[in-house]
PDB file of N, CA and C in Angstrom:
ATOM      1  N   MET A   1      -7.989  20.214 -45.045  1.00  0.00           N
ATOM      2  CA  MET A   1      -8.123  20.574 -44.220  1.00  0.00           C
ATOM      3  C   MET A   1      -8.611  20.491 -42.832  1.00  0.00           C
ATOM      4  N   LYS A   2      -9.329  20.037 -42.692  1.00  0.00           N
ATOM      5  CA  LYS A   2     -10.700  19.575 -41.924  1.00  0.00           C
ATOM      6  C   LYS A   2     -10.093  18.325 -41.473  1.00  0.00           C
ATOM      7  N   SER A   3      -9.782  17.218 -42.807  1.00  0.00           N
ATOM      8  CA  SER A   3      -9.210  16.106 -41.749  1.00  0.00           C
ATOM      9  C   SER A   3      -7.928  16.343 -41.364  1.00  0.00           C
ATOM     10  N   LYS A   4      -6.906  17.324 -41.338  1.00  0.00           N
ATOM     11  CA  LYS A   4      -5.897  17.516 -40.497  1.00  0.00           C
ATOM     12  C   LYS A   4      -6.419  17.883 -39.588  1.00  0.00           C
ATOM     13  N   GLN A   5      -7.304  18.666 -39.076  1.00  0.00           N
ATOM     14  CA  GLN A   5      -7.829  19.049 -38.102  1.00  0.00           C
ATOM     15  C   GLN A   5      -8.652  18.124 -37.264  1.00  0.00           C
ATOM     16  N   PHE A   6      -9.661  16.992 -37.891  1.00  0.00           N
ATOM     17  CA  PHE A   6      -9.788  15.696 -37.091  1.00  0.00           C
ATOM     18  C   PHE A   6      -8.794  15.536 -36.540  1.00  0.00           C
ATOM     19  N   TYR A   7      -7.825  14.741 -37.229  1.00  0.00           N
ATOM     20  CA  TYR A   7      -6.569  13.370 -37.153  1.00  0.00           C
ATOM     21  C   TYR A   7      -5.900  14.470 -35.491  1.00  0.00           C
ATOM     22  N   ILE A   8      -5.395  15.712 -35.672  1.00  0.00           N
ATOM     23  CA  ILE A   8      -4.991  16.274 -34.476  1.00  0.00           C
ATOM     24  C   ILE A   8      -5.433  16.797 -33.397  1.00  0.00           C
ATOM     25  N   ILE A   9      -7.609  16.600 -33.360  1.00  0.00           N
ATOM     26  CA  ILE A   9      -7.753  17.520 -32.084  1.00  0.00           C
ATOM     27  C   ILE A   9      -8.207  15.741 -32.034  1.00  0.00           C
ATOM     28  N   ASN A  10      -7.961  14.831 -32.333  1.00  0.00           N
ATOM     29  CA  ASN A  10      -8.552  12.726 -32.249  1.00  0.00           C
ATOM     30  C   ASN A  10      -6.516  12.799 -31.510  1.00  0.00           C
ATOM     31  N   ILE A  11      -5.224  12.872 -31.567  1.00  0.00           N
ATOM     32  CA  ILE A  11      -4.723  12.746 -30.861  1.00  0.00           C
ATOM     33  C   ILE A  11      -4.034  13.241 -30.080  1.00  0.00           C
ATOM     34  N   LEU A  12      -5.091  14.537 -29.697  1.00  0.00           N
ATOM     35  CA  LEU A  12      -4.918  15.173 -28.505  1.00  0.00           C
ATOM     36  C   LEU A  12      -5.894  14.903 -27.504  1.00  0.00           C
ATOM     37  N   ILE A  13      -7.071  14.651 -27.752  1.00  0.00           N
ATOM     38  CA  ILE A  13      -7.848  13.469 -26.745  1.00  0.00           C
ATOM     39  C   ILE A  13      -6.866  12.129 -26.643  1.00  0.00           C
ATOM     40  N   LEU A  14      -6.357  11.345 -27.375  1.00  0.00           N
ATOM     41  CA  LEU A  14      -5.570  10.127 -26.710  1.00  0.00           C
ATOM     42  C   LEU A  14      -5.050  10.106 -26.145  1.00  0.00           C
ATOM     43  N   PHE A  15      -3.634  11.296 -26.140  1.00  0.00           N
ATOM     44  CA  PHE A  15      -2.806  11.899 -25.708  1.00  0.00           C
ATOM     45  C   PHE A  15      -3.220  12.036 -24.232  1.00  0.00           C
ATOM     46  N   ILE A  16      -4.417  13.101 -23.926  1.00  0.00           N
ATOM     47  CA  ILE A  16      -4.832  13.730 -22.711  1.00  0.00           C
ATOM     48  C   ILE A  16      -5.423  12.136 -21.861  1.00  0.00           C
ATOM     49  N   TYR A  17      -6.111  11.946 -23.022  1.00  0.00           N
ATOM     50  CA  TYR A  17      -6.189  10.709 -22.126  1.00  0.00           C
ATOM     51  C   TYR A  17      -5.670   9.576 -20.896  1.00  0.00           C
ATOM     52  N   SER A  18      -4.607   9.116 -22.161  1.00  0.00           N
ATOM     53  CA  SER A  18      -3.754   8.672 -21.531  1.00  0.00           C
ATOM     54  C   SER A  18      -2.580   8.605 -20.504  1.00  0.00           C
ATOM     55  N   CYS A  19      -3.159  10.449 -20.298  1.00  0.00           N
ATOM     56  CA  CYS A  19      -1.960  10.321 -19.197  1.00  0.00           C
ATOM     57  C   CYS A  19      -1.974   9.689 -17.737  1.00  0.00           C
ATOM     58  N   THR A  20      -1.981   9.466 -16.598  1.00  0.00           N
ATOM     59  CA  THR A  20      -1.645   9.297 -15.945  1.00  0.00           C
ATOM     60  C   THR A  20      -2.308   9.868 -14.815  1.00  0.00           C
ATOM     61  N   PHE A  21      -2.073  10.965 -14.859  1.00  0.00           N
ATOM     62  CA  PHE A  21      -2.623  11.931 -13.754  1.00  0.00           C
ATOM     63  C   PHE A  21      -3.933  11.882 -13.704  1.00  0.00           C
ATOM     64  N   LEU A  22      -4.184  11.540 -14.689  1.00  0.00           N
ATOM     65  CA  LEU A  22      -5.868  12.063 -14.691  1.00  0.00           C
ATOM     66  C   LEU A  22      -6.455  10.241 -14.489  1.00  0.00           C
ATOM     67  N   ASN A  23      -5.798   9.383 -13.903  1.00  0.00           N
ATOM     68  CA  ASN A  23      -6.636   8.389 -12.949  1.00  0.00           C
ATOM     69  C   ASN A  23      -5.924   8.277 -11.756  1.00  0.00           C
ATOM     70  N   GLN A  24      -6.032   9.434 -10.598  1.00  0.00           N
ATOM     71  CA  GLN A  24      -5.658   8.936  -9.702  1.00  0.00           C
ATOM     72  C   GLN A  24      -6.062   7.991  -8.771  1.00  0.00           C
ATOM     73  N   ASN A  25      -5.427   7.371  -7.874  1.00  0.00           N
ATOM     74  CA  ASN A  25      -5.859   6.731  -6.612  1.00  0.00           C
ATOM     75  C   ASN A  25      -6.734   7.496  -5.576  1.00  0.00           C
ATOM     76  N   ILE A  26      -7.478   6.865  -5.451  1.00  0.00           N
ATOM     77  CA  ILE A  26      -8.610   7.186  -4.430  1.00  0.00           C
ATOM     78  C   ILE A  26      -7.852   6.560  -2.712  1.00  0.00           C
ATOM     79  N   PHE A  27      -7.914   7.380  -2.094  1.00  0.00           N
ATOM     80  CA  PHE A  27      -7.681   7.440  -0.625  1.00  0.00           C
ATOM     81  C   PHE A  27      -8.528   7.041   0.207  1.00  0.00           C
ATOM     82  N   ILE A  28      -8.865   6.480   0.902  1.00  0.00           N
ATOM     83  CA  ILE A  28      -9.462   5.157   1.268  1.00  0.00           C
ATOM     84  C   ILE A  28      -9.098   5.357   3.220  1.00  0.00           C
ATOM     85  N   LYS A  29      -7.731   4.805   3.519  1.00  0.00           N
ATOM     86  CA  LYS A  29      -7.827   5.242   5.450  1.00  0.00           C
ATOM     87  C   LYS A  29      -6.322   4.786   5.380  1.00  0.00           C
ATOM     88  N   ASP A  30      -5.638   5.723   7.014  1.00  0.00           N
ATOM     89  CA  ASP A  30      -4.528   5.420   7.448  1.00  0.00           C
ATOM     90  C   ASP A  30      -4.962   4.166   8.504  1.00  0.00           C
ATOM     91  N   GLN A  31      -4.355   3.386   8.739  1.00  0.00           N
ATOM     92  CA  GLN A  31      -4.491   2.792   9.882  1.00  0.00           C
ATOM     93  C   GLN A  31      -3.263   2.440  10.755  1.00  0.00           C
ATOM     94  N   LYS A  32      -3.276   2.115  12.055  1.00  0.00           N
ATOM     95  CA  LYS A  32      -2.050   1.576  12.899  1.00  0.00           C
ATOM     96  C   LYS A  32      -2.525   0.640  12.509  1.00  0.00           C
ATOM     97  N   ILE A  33      -1.318  -1.118  13.312  1.00  0.00           N
ATOM     98  CA  ILE A  33      -1.748  -2.172  13.047  1.00  0.00           C
ATOM     99  C   ILE A  33      -1.180  -2.377  14.127  1.00  0.00           C
ATOM    100  N   GLY A  34      -1.768  -3.458  15.032  1.00  0.00           N
ATOM    101  CA  GLY A  34      -1.273  -3.503  16.712  1.00  0.00           C
ATOM    102  C   GLY A  34      -0.339  -2.426  17.479  1.00  0.00           C
ATOM    103  N   ASN A  35       0.369  -2.637  18.150  1.00  0.00           N
ATOM    104  CA  ASN A  35       0.626  -2.351  19.796  1.00  0.00           C
ATOM    105  C   ASN A  35       2.076  -1.658  19.058  1.00  0.00           C
ATOM    106  N   ASP A  36       2.416  -0.714  19.539  1.00  0.00           N
ATOM    107  CA  ASP A  36       4.385  -0.165  19.278  1.00  0.00           C
ATOM    108  C   ASP A  36       5.050  -1.662  19.963  1.00  0.00           C
ATOM    109  N   ILE A  37       6.638  -1.499  18.598  1.00  0.00           N
ATOM    110  CA  ILE A  37       7.134  -2.302  19.028  1.00  0.00           C
ATOM    111  C   ILE A  37       8.472  -1.714  19.971  1.00  0.00           C
ATOM    112  N   ILE A  38       8.811  -1.641  20.895  1.00  0.00           N
ATOM    113  CA  ILE A  38      10.192  -0.706  21.628  1.00  0.00           C
ATOM    114  C   ILE A  38      11.291  -1.451  21.817  1.00  0.00           C
ATOM    115  N   GLN A  39      12.528  -0.693  21.331  1.00  0.00           N
ATOM    116  CA  GLN A  39      13.212  -1.883  21.279  1.00  0.00           C
ATOM    117  C   GLN A  39      14.747  -0.832  21.223  1.00  0.00           C
ATOM    118  N   GLY A  40      15.415  -0.821  22.443  1.00  0.00           N
ATOM    119  CA  GLY A  40      16.275  -0.035  23.117  1.00  0.00           C
ATOM    120  C   GLY A  40      15.559   0.943  23.886  1.00  0.00           C
ATOM    121  N   ASN A  41      16.341   2.705  22.822  1.00  0.00           N
ATOM    122  CA  ASN A  41      15.368   4.302  22.838  1.00  0.00           C
ATOM    123  C   ASN A  41      14.244   4.160  21.868  1.00  0.00           C
ATOM    124  N   SER A  42      13.828   2.807  20.851  1.00  0.00           N
ATOM    125  CA  SER A  42      13.293   3.398  19.466  1.00  0.00           C
ATOM    126  C   SER A  42      11.967   2.977  19.653  1.00  0.00           C
ATOM    127  N   LYS A  43      11.022   3.864  19.110  1.00  0.00           N
ATOM    128  CA  LYS A  43       9.452   3.430  19.331  1.00  0.00           C
ATOM    129  C   LYS A  43       8.747   2.719  17.847  1.00  0.00           C
ATOM    130  N   TYR A  44       8.828   1.417  17.450  1.00  0.00           N
ATOM    131  CA  TYR A  44       8.602   1.728  16.014  1.00  0.00           C
ATOM    132  C   TYR A  44       6.575   0.992  15.802  1.00  0.00           C
ATOM    133  N   SER A  45       6.263   1.962  15.262  1.00  0.00           N
ATOM    134  CA  SER A  45       4.530   1.159  15.310  1.00  0.00           C
ATOM    135  C   SER A  45       4.534   1.172  13.683  1.00  0.00           C
ATOM    136  N   VAL A  46       3.625   0.153  13.497  1.00  0.00           N
ATOM    137  CA  VAL A  46       3.536  -0.356  11.754  1.00  0.00           C
ATOM    138  C   VAL A  46       2.290   0.526  11.569  1.00  0.00           C
ATOM    139  N   ARG A  47       2.054   1.076   9.900  1.00  0.00           N
ATOM    140  CA  ARG A  47       0.485   1.549   9.837  1.00  0.00           C
ATOM    141  C   ARG A  47       0.598   0.689   7.963  1.00  0.00           C
ATOM    142  N   TYR A  48      -0.704   0.981   7.696  1.00  0.00           N
ATOM    143  CA  TYR A  48      -1.111   0.793   5.787  1.00  0.00           C
ATOM    144  C   TYR A  48      -1.859   1.590   5.574  1.00  0.00           C
ATOM    145  N   LYS A  49      -1.553   2.024   4.434  1.00  0.00           N
ATOM    146  CA  LYS A  49      -3.052   2.970   4.227  1.00  0.00           C
ATOM    147  C   LYS A  49      -3.913   2.039   2.428  1.00  0.00           C
ATOM    148  N   LEU A  50      -4.498   2.598   3.090  1.00  0.00           N
ATOM    149  CA  LEU A  50      -4.992   1.675   1.297  1.00  0.00           C
ATOM    150  C   LEU A  50      -5.855   3.200   0.103  1.00  0.00           C
ATOM    151  N   TYR A  51      -5.763   1.917  -0.812  1.00  0.00           N
ATOM    152  CA  TYR A  51      -6.700   3.402  -2.231  1.00  0.00           C
ATOM    153  C   TYR A  51      -7.005   2.373  -2.766  1.00  0.00           C
ATOM    154  N   GLN A  52      -7.524   2.657  -2.784  1.00  0.00           N
ATOM    155  CA  GLN A  52      -8.524   2.607  -4.215  1.00  0.00           C
ATOM    156  C   GLN A  52      -8.208   2.570  -5.372  1.00  0.00           C
ATOM    157  N   THR A  53      -7.477   1.973  -7.055  1.00  0.00           N
ATOM    158  CA  THR A  53      -6.677   2.109  -7.520  1.00  0.00           C
ATOM    159  C   THR A  53      -7.726   1.568  -8.776  1.00  0.00           C
ATOM    160  N   GLY A  54      -9.194   1.566  -9.018  1.00  0.00           N
ATOM    161  CA  GLY A  54      -9.824   0.876 -10.003  1.00  0.00           C
ATOM    162  C   GLY A  54     -11.347  -0.202  -9.328  1.00  0.00           C
ATOM    163  N   PHE A  55     -12.108  -0.259 -10.234  1.00  0.00           N
ATOM    164  CA  PHE A  55     -12.986  -0.758  -9.447  1.00  0.00           C
ATOM    165  C   PHE A  55     -12.549  -1.546  -8.667  1.00  0.00           C
ATOM    166  N   ASP A  56     -13.212  -2.620  -7.986  1.00  0.00           N
ATOM    167  CA  ASP A  56     -12.887  -3.669  -7.073  1.00  0.00           C
ATOM    168  C   ASP A  56     -11.016  -3.736  -7.355  1.00  0.00           C
ATOM    169  N   ASN A  57     -10.134  -2.969  -7.008  1.00  0.00           N
ATOM    170  CA  ASN A  57      -9.149  -3.406  -7.082  1.00  0.00           C
ATOM    171  C   ASN A  57      -8.411  -2.225  -5.951  1.00  0.00           C
ATOM    172  N   PHE A  58      -7.790  -2.912  -4.868  1.00  0.00           N
ATOM    173  CA  PHE A  58      -7.104  -1.626  -4.378  1.00  0.00           C
ATOM    174  C   PHE A  58      -5.619  -2.064  -3.547  1.00  0.00           C
ATOM    175  N   LYS A  59      -5.354  -1.161  -3.074  1.00  0.00           N
ATOM    176  CA  LYS A  59      -3.497  -1.402  -3.085  1.00  0.00           C
ATOM    177  C   LYS A  59      -3.267  -0.864  -1.739  1.00  0.00           C
ATOM    178  N   TYR A  60      -2.428  -1.884  -0.649  1.00  0.00           N
ATOM    179  CA  TYR A  60      -2.263  -1.469   0.394  1.00  0.00           C
ATOM    180  C   TYR A  60      -0.715  -1.091   0.494  1.00  0.00           C
ATOM    181  N   GLU A  61      -0.278   0.184   0.892  1.00  0.00           N
ATOM    182  CA  GLU A  61       1.049   0.282   1.058  1.00  0.00           C
ATOM    183  C   GLU A  61       1.640   0.891   2.864  1.00  0.00           C
ATOM    184  N   PHE A  62       2.595  -0.727   2.500  1.00  0.00           N
ATOM    185  CA  PHE A  62       2.875  -0.636   4.715  1.00  0.00           C
ATOM    186  C   PHE A  62       3.961   0.133   5.251  1.00  0.00           C
ATOM    187  N   TYR A  63       4.075   0.973   6.098  1.00  0.00           N
ATOM    188  CA  TYR A  63       5.079   1.616   6.621  1.00  0.00           C
ATOM    189  C   TYR A  63       5.621   1.629   7.908  1.00  0.00           C
ATOM    190  N   ALA A  64       6.520   1.781   8.328  1.00  0.00           N
ATOM    191  CA  ALA A  64       6.618   1.932   9.700  1.00  0.00           C
ATOM    192  C   ALA A  64       6.948   3.226  10.146  1.00  0.00           C
ATOM    193  N   ILE A  65       7.063   3.480  11.606  1.00  0.00           N
ATOM    194  CA  ILE A  65       7.751   4.441  12.285  1.00  0.00           C
ATOM    195  C   ILE A  65       8.296   4.439  13.135  1.00  0.00           C
ATOM    196  N   LYS A  66       9.203   4.729  12.910  1.00  0.00           N
ATOM    197  CA  LYS A  66      10.404   4.796  13.761  1.00  0.00           C
ATOM    198  C   LYS A  66      10.728   6.702  14.469  1.00  0.00           C
ATOM    199  N   ASN A  67      10.531   6.627  15.820  1.00  0.00           N
ATOM    200  CA  ASN A  67      10.003   8.069  16.433  1.00  0.00           C
ATOM    201  C   ASN A  67       9.981   8.769  15.238  1.00  0.00           C
ATOM    202  N   THR A  68      10.315   9.299  15.053  1.00  0.00           N
ATOM    203  CA  THR A  68       9.424  10.242  13.398  1.00  0.00           C
ATOM    204  C   THR A  68      10.162   9.892  12.056  1.00  0.00           C
ATOM    205  N   ASP A  69      10.918   8.755  11.905  1.00  0.00           N
ATOM    206  CA  ASP A  69      11.741   8.896  10.953  1.00  0.00           C
ATOM    207  C   ASP A  69      10.148   7.827   9.666  1.00  0.00           C
ATOM    208  N   THR A  70      10.054   8.060   8.648  1.00  0.00           N
ATOM    209  CA  THR A  70       9.400   6.753   7.819  1.00  0.00           C
ATOM    210  C   THR A  70       9.853   5.793   7.300  1.00  0.00           C
ATOM    211  N   LEU A  71       9.549   4.462   6.950  1.00  0.00           N
ATOM    212  CA  LEU A  71      10.269   3.504   6.569  1.00  0.00           C
ATOM    213  C   LEU A  71       8.939   2.497   6.377  1.00  0.00           C
ATOM    214  N   VAL A  72       9.049   2.972   4.323  1.00  0.00           N
ATOM    215  CA  VAL A  72       8.948   2.237   3.212  1.00  0.00           C
ATOM    216  C   VAL A  72       8.585   0.506   3.145  1.00  0.00           C
ATOM    217  N   LEU A  73       7.644  -0.434   3.405  1.00  0.00           N
ATOM    218  CA  LEU A  73       7.822  -1.557   3.782  1.00  0.00           C
ATOM    219  C   LEU A  73       7.997  -1.815   2.547  1.00  0.00           C
ATOM    220  N   PHE A  74       6.777  -2.181   2.304  1.00  0.00           N
ATOM    221  CA  PHE A  74       6.035  -2.570   0.633  1.00  0.00           C
ATOM    222  C   PHE A  74       4.921  -2.636   0.272  1.00  0.00           C
ATOM    223  N   ASN A  75       3.744  -2.863  -0.812  1.00  0.00           N
ATOM    224  CA  ASN A  75       2.819  -2.742  -1.075  1.00  0.00           C
ATOM    225  C   ASN A  75       2.512  -4.213  -1.645  1.00  0.00           C
ATOM    226  N   SER A  76       0.863  -3.683  -1.451  1.00  0.00           N
ATOM    227  CA  SER A  76       0.162  -5.491  -1.879  1.00  0.00           C
ATOM    228  C   SER A  76      -0.782  -5.272  -2.594  1.00  0.00           C
ATOM    229  N   ASN A  77      -1.702  -5.416  -2.683  1.00  0.00           N
ATOM    230  CA  ASN A  77      -3.061  -5.503  -3.476  1.00  0.00           C
ATOM    231  C   ASN A  77      -3.357  -6.592  -3.848  1.00  0.00           C
ATOM    232  N   LEU A  78      -4.906  -6.402  -4.023  1.00  0.00           N
ATOM    233  CA  LEU A  78      -6.270  -6.477  -3.951  1.00  0.00           C
ATOM    234  C   LEU A  78      -7.221  -6.387  -4.285  1.00  0.00           C
ATOM    235  N   ASN A  79      -6.902  -7.964  -5.473  1.00  0.00           N
ATOM    236  CA  ASN A  79      -8.764  -7.766  -6.494  1.00  0.00           C
ATOM    237  C   ASN A  79     -10.129  -8.755  -6.277  1.00  0.00           C
ATOM    238  N   ASP A  80     -10.422  -7.415  -5.414  1.00  0.00           N
ATOM    239  CA  ASP A  80     -11.369  -8.355  -4.541  1.00  0.00           C
ATOM    240  C   ASP A  80     -12.236  -6.861  -3.810  1.00  0.00           C
ATOM    241  N   ALA A  81     -13.231  -6.525  -3.790  1.00  0.00           N
ATOM    242  CA  ALA A  81     -14.346  -5.501  -2.718  1.00  0.00           C
ATOM    243  C   ALA A  81     -14.506  -5.925  -1.306  1.00  0.00           C
ATOM    244  N   SER A  82     -13.541  -6.989  -0.721  1.00  0.00           N
ATOM    245  CA  SER A  82     -13.654  -6.819   0.186  1.00  0.00           C
ATOM    246  C   SER A  82     -12.546  -6.849   1.313  1.00  0.00           C
ATOM    247  N   TYR A  83     -12.329  -5.027   0.800  1.00  0.00           N
ATOM    248  CA  TYR A  83     -11.154  -4.935   1.678  1.00  0.00           C
ATOM    249  C   TYR A  83     -11.986  -4.394   3.034  1.00  0.00           C
ATOM    250  N   LYS A  84     -13.510  -4.509   3.224  1.00  0.00           N
ATOM    251  CA  LYS A  84     -13.719  -4.098   4.558  1.00  0.00           C
ATOM    252  C   LYS A  84     -13.440  -4.951   5.219  1.00  0.00           C
ATOM    253  N   LYS A  85     -13.087  -6.123   4.336  1.00  0.00           N
ATOM    254  CA  LYS A  85     -13.118  -7.347   6.093  1.00  0.00           C
ATOM    255  C   LYS A  85     -11.700  -7.624   6.104  1.00  0.00           C
ATOM    256  N   VAL A  86     -10.890  -7.184   5.470  1.00  0.00           N
ATOM    257  CA  VAL A  86      -9.302  -7.535   5.416  1.00  0.00           C
ATOM    258  C   VAL A  86      -8.766  -6.595   7.137  1.00  0.00           C
ATOM    259  N   GLU A  87      -8.121  -7.873   7.899  1.00  0.00           N
ATOM    260  CA  GLU A  87      -7.957  -7.034   9.160  1.00  0.00           C
ATOM    261  C   GLU A  87      -5.951  -7.682   9.672  1.00  0.00           C
ATOM    262  N   PHE A  88      -5.564  -6.560   9.856  1.00  0.00           N
ATOM    263  CA  PHE A  88      -3.706  -6.866  10.124  1.00  0.00           C
ATOM    264  C   PHE A  88      -3.906  -7.450  11.554  1.00  0.00           C
ATOM    265  N   SER A  89      -2.513  -7.806  12.589  1.00  0.00           N
ATOM    266  CA  SER A  89      -2.167  -8.798  13.517  1.00  0.00           C
ATOM    267  C   SER A  89      -1.293  -8.312  13.124  1.00  0.00           C
ATOM    268  N   LEU A  90      -0.631  -7.489  14.333  1.00  0.00           N
ATOM    269  CA  LEU A  90       1.222  -7.172  14.639  1.00  0.00           C
ATOM    270  C   LEU A  90       2.644  -8.187  15.239  1.00  0.00           C
ATOM    271  N   GLU A  91       3.057  -8.667  15.188  1.00  0.00           N
ATOM    272  CA  GLU A  91       4.075 -10.146  16.468  1.00  0.00           C
ATOM    273  C   GLU A  91       4.948  -9.469  16.174  1.00  0.00           C
ATOM    274  N   GLU A  92       5.713  -8.941  16.739  1.00  0.00           N
ATOM    275  CA  GLU A  92       7.546  -9.170  17.119  1.00  0.00           C
ATOM    276  C   GLU A  92       7.779 -10.384  17.918  1.00  0.00           C
ATOM    277  N   LYS A  93       8.652 -11.259  16.919  1.00  0.00           N
ATOM    278  CA  LYS A  93       9.664 -12.111  17.519  1.00  0.00           C
ATOM    279  C   LYS A  93      10.935 -11.806  16.837  1.00  0.00           C
ATOM    280  N   ASN A  94      12.132 -12.144  17.729  1.00  0.00           N
ATOM    281  CA  ASN A  94      13.075 -12.692  17.749  1.00  0.00           C
ATOM    282  C   ASN A  94      13.672 -11.357  16.214  1.00  0.00           C
ATOM    283  N   GLY A  95      13.306 -10.242  16.631  1.00  0.00           N
ATOM    284  CA  GLY A  95      13.708  -9.405  15.668  1.00  0.00           C
ATOM    285  C   GLY A  95      13.035  -9.335  14.200  1.00  0.00           C
ATOM    286  N   ILE A  96      11.862 -10.712  14.424  1.00  0.00           N
ATOM    287  CA  ILE A  96      11.285 -10.549  12.694  1.00  0.00           C
ATOM    288  C   ILE A  96       9.791  -9.619  13.665  1.00  0.00           C
ATOM    289  N   VAL A  97       9.583  -8.911  12.732  1.00  0.00           N
ATOM    290  CA  VAL A  97       8.331  -8.558  12.811  1.00  0.00           C
ATOM    291  C   VAL A  97       6.933  -9.171  11.785  1.00  0.00           C
ATOM    292  N   PHE A  98       5.972  -9.649  12.420  1.00  0.00           N
ATOM    293  CA  PHE A  98       4.849 -10.191  11.382  1.00  0.00           C
ATOM    294  C   PHE A  98       3.836  -9.540  11.251  1.00  0.00           C
ATOM    295  N   ILE A  99       3.369  -9.037  10.099  1.00  0.00           N
ATOM    296  CA  ILE A  99       2.001  -9.073   9.695  1.00  0.00           C
ATOM    297  C   ILE A  99       1.629  -9.663   9.496  1.00  0.00           C
ATOM    298  N   PHE A 100      -0.273 -10.056   9.863  1.00  0.00           N
ATOM    299  CA  PHE A 100      -0.645 -11.317   9.779  1.00  0.00           C
ATOM    300  C   PHE A 100      -1.722 -10.680   9.270  1.00  0.00           C
ATOM    301  N   SER A 101      -3.020 -11.452   7.892  1.00  0.00           N
ATOM    302  CA  SER A 101      -3.364 -10.822   7.233  1.00  0.00           C
ATOM    303  C   SER A 101      -4.988 -12.222   7.594  1.00  0.00           C
ATOM    304  N   ASN A 102      -5.906 -11.868   7.260  1.00  0.00           N
ATOM    305  CA  ASN A 102      -7.104 -12.838   7.701  1.00  0.00           C
ATOM    306  C   ASN A 102      -7.468 -12.820   6.189  1.00  0.00           C
ATOM    307  N   TYR A 103      -6.520 -12.169   5.509  1.00  0.00           N
ATOM    308  CA  TYR A 103      -6.491 -12.371   3.630  1.00  0.00           C
ATOM    309  C   TYR A 103      -5.864 -12.631   2.853  1.00  0.00           C
ATOM    310  N   ASN A 104      -5.427 -13.419   2.188  1.00  0.00           N
ATOM    311  CA  ASN A 104      -4.523 -13.484   1.476  1.00  0.00           C
ATOM    312  C   ASN A 104      -3.808 -12.949   0.594  1.00  0.00           C
ATOM    313  N   LEU A 105      -2.449 -12.157   1.122  1.00  0.00           N
ATOM    314  CA  LEU A 105      -2.636 -10.707   0.128  1.00  0.00           C
ATOM    315  C   LEU A 105      -0.845 -11.494  -0.081  1.00  0.00           C
ATOM    316  N   GLY A 106      -0.783 -12.593   0.013  1.00  0.00           N
ATOM    317  CA  GLY A 106       0.112 -13.203  -0.450  1.00  0.00           C
ATOM    318  C   GLY A 106       1.790 -13.183   0.866  1.00  0.00           C
ATOM    319  N   LYS A 107       2.747 -13.380   0.343  1.00  0.00           N
ATOM    320  CA  LYS A 107       3.298 -13.378   1.601  1.00  0.00           C
ATOM    321  C   LYS A 107       5.225 -12.549   0.420  1.00  0.00           C
ATOM    322  N   ILE A 108       5.286 -11.894   1.667  1.00  0.00           N
ATOM    323  CA  ILE A 108       6.157 -10.815   1.287  1.00  0.00           C
ATOM    324  C   ILE A 108       6.925 -10.174   2.735  1.00  0.00           C
ATOM    325  N   GLU A 109       8.360 -10.770   2.275  1.00  0.00           N
ATOM    326  CA  GLU A 109       9.345 -10.422   3.655  1.00  0.00           C
ATOM    327  C   GLU A 109      10.070  -9.261   2.837  1.00  0.00           C
ATOM    328  N   LYS A 110      10.924  -7.856   4.050  1.00  0.00           N
ATOM    329  CA  LYS A 110      11.513  -7.040   4.003  1.00  0.00           C
ATOM    330  C   LYS A 110      12.808  -7.084   4.963  1.00  0.00           C
ATOM    331  N   ILE A 111      13.926  -6.576   4.778  1.00  0.00           N
ATOM    332  CA  ILE A 111      15.083  -6.170   6.078  1.00  0.00           C
ATOM    333  C   ILE A 111      14.948  -5.163   5.512  1.00  0.00           C
ATOM    334  N   GLN A 112      14.582  -4.259   6.767  1.00  0.00           N
ATOM    335  CA  GLN A 112      14.376  -2.868   6.761  1.00  0.00           C
ATOM    336  C   GLN A 112      15.031  -2.345   8.148  1.00  0.00           C
ATOM    337  N   GLY A 113      15.695  -1.783   8.496  1.00  0.00           N
ATOM    338  CA  GLY A 113      16.585  -1.020   9.633  1.00  0.00           C
ATOM    339  C   GLY A 113      16.851  -1.681   9.979  1.00  0.00           C
ATOM    340  N   GLU A 114      16.513  -2.338  11.876  1.00  0.00           N
ATOM    341  CA  GLU A 114      17.060  -3.370  13.035  1.00  0.00           C
ATOM    342  C   GLU A 114      15.715  -4.750  12.597  1.00  0.00           C
ATOM    343  N   PHE A 115      14.704  -4.372  11.739  1.00  0.00           N
ATOM    344  CA  PHE A 115      13.830  -5.260  12.032  1.00  0.00           C
ATOM    345  C   PHE A 115      13.634  -5.915  10.392  1.00  0.00           C
ATOM    346  N   LYS A 116      13.519  -7.678  10.072  1.00  0.00           N
ATOM    347  CA  LYS A 116      12.790  -8.191   8.933  1.00  0.00           C
ATOM    348  C   LYS A 116      11.382  -8.112   9.423  1.00  0.00           C
ATOM    349  N   TYR A 117      10.807  -7.529   8.047  1.00  0.00           N
ATOM    350  CA  TYR A 117       8.823  -7.428   8.055  1.00  0.00           C
ATOM    351  C   TYR A 117       8.520  -8.398   7.497  1.00  0.00           C
ATOM    352  N   VAL A 118       7.390  -9.217   7.754  1.00  0.00           N
ATOM    353  CA  VAL A 118       7.546  -9.879   6.855  1.00  0.00           C
ATOM    354  C   VAL A 118       5.512 -10.146   7.064  1.00  0.00           C
ATOM    355  N   LEU A 119       4.661 -10.241   5.538  1.00  0.00           N
ATOM    356  CA  LEU A 119       3.407  -9.787   5.451  1.00  0.00           C
ATOM    357  C   LEU A 119       3.380 -11.573   4.911  1.00  0.00           C
ATOM    358  N   SER A 120       2.032 -11.953   6.192  1.00  0.00           N
ATOM    359  CA  SER A 120       1.606 -13.263   5.629  1.00  0.00           C
ATOM    360  C   SER A 120       0.018 -13.242   5.939  1.00  0.00           C
ATOM    361  N   TYR A 121      -0.158 -14.546   5.908  1.00  0.00           N
ATOM    362  CA  TYR A 121      -2.139 -15.318   5.479  1.00  0.00           C
ATOM    363  C   TYR A 121      -2.146 -16.023   7.027  1.00  0.00           C
ATOM    364  N   LYS A 122      -2.691 -14.910   7.887  1.00  0.00           N
ATOM    365  CA  LYS A 122      -2.553 -16.328   9.027  1.00  0.00           C
ATOM    366  C   LYS A 122      -4.622 -16.704   9.605  1.00  0.00           C
TER     367      LYS A 122
END
């Protein structure tokens, strides 16, 4: 009888430990990148949210805001504690919005709305 209780308790503990809601990402900051982009009657701004997902693991979520609508662009991960040194700049050329980083977060491209967004290392 005690061995059954022992196994049931261990299974419950393993189940609770494996639940993802116990491993929440830690929000660090939400920051605007560069100046607004104005096209016609629309005003765009590009922002990112930074989360810590583990020890020395960080996730950037990039999104654009058009007037009052939010457009999710892409995510990028950083496996380094140097997230405080990462800086971004924004340039728009011929309908392509370049998000440049001083740290190599990979190259990601996405067409969203009226623009093509590119995350790149500079």
